[in-house]
Amino acid sequence: MDTDIVIEQRDGRLLQDIIDHDGIEKFIEIEEEIVSELHLKKKKKQPTSNRVHWLAVSFYHKNV
């Protein structure tokens, strides 16, 4: 699942609009919230590779 699309649909704006108007910190906050929600909803159905991707995204955002 592409979290960028989920964020745009939920917020009703393009990612760049969110970043431009709310800042990168708010975007990261929204993204972490979405990833957490998706992870909780599909925890039983997610293959290991999705957990690795989520960890990689988390690591990336902590180091940006």
C-alpha atoms as a PDB file:
ATOM      1  CA  MET A   1       0.000   0.000   0.000  1.00  0.00           C
ATOM      2  CA  ASP A   2       1.302   3.430  -0.923  1.00  0.00           C
ATOM      3  CA  THR A   3       1.056   5.582   2.202  1.00  0.00           C
ATOM      4  CA  ASP A   4       1.530   8.749   0.150  1.00  0.00           C
ATOM      5  CA  ILE A   5      -1.783   8.113  -1.599  1.00  0.00           C
ATOM      6  CA  VAL A   6      -3.490   7.361   1.717  1.00  0.00           C
ATOM      7  CA  ILE A   7      -2.176  10.649   3.163  1.00  0.00           C
ATOM      8  CA  GLU A   8      -3.355  12.650   0.130  1.00  0.00           C
ATOM      9  CA  GLN A   9      -6.809  11.049   0.236  1.00  0.00           C
ATOM     10  CA  ARG A  10      -7.214  11.541   3.978  1.00  0.00           C
ATOM     11  CA  ASP A  11      -5.982  15.126   3.971  1.00  0.00           C
ATOM     12  CA  GLY A  12      -7.525  16.131   0.640  1.00  0.00           C
ATOM     13  CA  ARG A  13      -4.265  17.731  -0.516  1.00  0.00           C
ATOM     14  CA  LEU A  14      -1.179  16.728  -2.444  1.00  0.00           C
ATOM     15  CA  LEU A  15       1.890  15.846  -0.379  1.00  0.00           C
ATOM     16  CA  GLN A  16       3.729  18.919  -1.627  1.00  0.00           C
ATOM     17  CA  ASP A  17       0.815  21.143  -0.517  1.00  0.00           C
ATOM     18  CA  ILE A  18       0.934  19.611   2.957  1.00  0.00           C
ATOM     19  CA  ILE A  19       4.685  20.204   3.186  1.00  0.00           C
ATOM     20  CA  ASP A  20       4.468  23.728   1.729  1.00  0.00           C
ATOM     21  CA  HIS A  21       1.646  24.871   4.018  1.00  0.00           C
ATOM     22  CA  ASP A  22       2.196  22.830   7.196  1.00  0.00           C
ATOM     23  CA  GLY A  23       5.910  22.048   7.066  1.00  0.00           C
ATOM     24  CA  ILE A  24       7.914  18.851   6.908  1.00  0.00           C
ATOM     25  CA  GLU A  25       7.491  18.120  10.618  1.00  0.00           C
ATOM     26  CA  LYS A  26       3.680  18.073  10.303  1.00  0.00           C
ATOM     27  CA  PHE A  27       3.948  15.873   7.202  1.00  0.00           C
ATOM     28  CA  ILE A  28       6.157  13.400   9.072  1.00  0.00           C
ATOM     29  CA  GLU A  29       3.685  13.430  11.977  1.00  0.00           C
ATOM     30  CA  ILE A  30       0.776  12.662   9.611  1.00  0.00           C
ATOM     31  CA  GLU A  31       2.791   9.944   7.860  1.00  0.00           C
ATOM     32  CA  GLU A  32       3.739   8.260  11.136  1.00  0.00           C
ATOM     33  CA  GLU A  33       0.104   8.355  12.240  1.00  0.00           C
ATOM     34  CA  ILE A  34      -1.067   6.778   8.958  1.00  0.00           C
ATOM     35  CA  VAL A  35       1.628   4.091   9.047  1.00  0.00           C
ATOM     36  CA  SER A  36       0.737   3.266  12.662  1.00  0.00           C
ATOM     37  CA  GLU A  37      -2.980   3.046  11.842  1.00  0.00           C
ATOM     38  CA  LEU A  38      -2.348   0.829   8.826  1.00  0.00           C
ATOM     39  CA  HIS A  39       0.056  -1.329  10.795  1.00  0.00           C
ATOM     40  CA  LEU A  40      -2.498  -1.862  13.562  1.00  0.00           C
ATOM     41  CA  LYS A  41      -5.357  -2.586  11.150  1.00  0.00           C
ATOM     42  CA  LYS A  42      -3.411  -5.122   9.124  1.00  0.00           C
ATOM     43  CA  LYS A  43      -1.045  -6.473  11.745  1.00  0.00           C
ATOM     44  CA  LYS A  44      -2.278 -10.034  11.332  1.00  0.00           C
ATOM     45  CA  LYS A  45      -2.279  -9.844   7.525  1.00  0.00           C
ATOM     46  CA  GLN A  46       1.020  -8.044   6.889  1.00  0.00           C
ATOM     47  CA  PRO A  47       3.918 -10.082   5.591  1.00  0.00           C
ATOM     48  CA  THR A  48       7.341  -9.575   7.129  1.00  0.00           C
ATOM     49  CA  SER A  49       8.510  -7.431   4.200  1.00  0.00           C
ATOM     50  CA  ASN A  50       5.988  -4.697   5.130  1.00  0.00           C
ATOM     51  CA  ARG A  51       7.355  -4.601   8.663  1.00  0.00           C
ATOM     52  CA  VAL A  52      10.856  -4.183   7.269  1.00  0.00           C
ATOM     53  CA  HIS A  53       9.623  -1.343   5.037  1.00  0.00           C
ATOM     54  CA  TRP A  54       7.931   0.346   8.002  1.00  0.00           C
ATOM     55  CA  LEU A  55      11.138   0.113  10.023  1.00  0.00           C
ATOM     56  CA  ALA A  56      13.107   1.567   7.113  1.00  0.00           C
ATOM     57  CA  VAL A  57      10.654   4.479   6.830  1.00  0.00           C
ATOM     58  CA  SER A  58      10.884   5.096  10.575  1.00  0.00           C
ATOM     59  CA  PHE A  59      14.687   5.039  10.477  1.00  0.00           C
ATOM     60  CA  TYR A  60      14.753   7.398   7.507  1.00  0.00           C
ATOM     61  CA  HIS A  61      12.487   9.974   9.166  1.00  0.00           C
ATOM     62  CA  LYS A  62      14.499   9.922  12.380  1.00  0.00           C
ATOM     63  CA  ASN A  63      17.644  10.706  10.403  1.00  0.00           C
ATOM     64  CA  VAL A  64      16.290  13.366   8.032  1.00  0.00           C
END
